[in-house]
Amino acid sequence: MPWLWSVASRIYTWLFFIPLFALATAVAGATSWLLSFVSLRAADVCGVAWGRVMLAAALVRVRVHGRENVVPGRQYVVMCNHRSNFDVLILYARLGMRFLWVMKMELRKAPFLGPACARLGHIFIDRKDRSQAVQALREGLDRASGSSLLFFPEGTRSSTTEMLPFKKGGFVLAADAGLPILPMSLKGSERVLAARSLMVRPLGRVEITFHPAVETSAFRDAASREPLIEAVRARIASGLEDGRQGSAPPR
């Protein structure tokens, strides 16, 4: 009965998941911040543990496809669709590479999470200040030391199955730096936690698909940026359930 499942999900969310999330975030954030003074790699492990604990608490199963498209040790600009706040936990738990988030400036003030992310070098951008955003991206790339950069090119969560228009900043950065873009599809997270909702529905299934990287060497001039965006968008769309976001990925 749908109403019974809805009531059970609300009880689970407020009496179990949210208290555990607050505790796990405080512990992981504080531990990561402290470890960052000793070893950034050790501090990164806290994020992975945080994501895996919360996925286990929500009984979420994640299947990963296309891992062979990721070359170990290669630096990428990773582009992923964004439908849920749960995406962050999923990617921490299962991305399997060192990376720097590109995140909105407001998150820098988040208790425990903000200070830890700042210590780890994650990139905070002001979406209302283009010059600040560009400068922050450049500085983030300079300190990345081989780590990949991870963008949600839509800029915010989509509340439907339709992807939002892509922001250009990550594409310009990748093309200017000559870094390959690794498109990634994240499917099913909205069924665990819908956009603009606080109710977690446990027992969900999520799929991550890594697509072949898009080399940016042929897209360095400004006139070719739109074809680059469309190529990446098409690859991400090919891994989503509705298939309405674009054509099959170019070969």
Foldseek 3Di string as FASTA:
>chain_A
DVVVLQVVLVCCLPVPLVVVLVVLLQVLLVVLLVCLVPPLVVSLVSLQVSLVVNLVSLQEAEAEAAPVLDDPLAAAAEEEAAWFPNVSSVCSNPVPFFEAEEEEQVCLPPPSNNSSSVSSLHFYAHPVDVVRRLVSLVVSVVPCVSHYYYDHQLRDHDQDLETHDGDQNSLLSCLVVQHWYWYKYKEWVCVQPGPPGSGGNGPTYIYMYIDRIHGNPVQNDPVNSVVVSQLSQQPRLVPYDVSPRHHHHDD
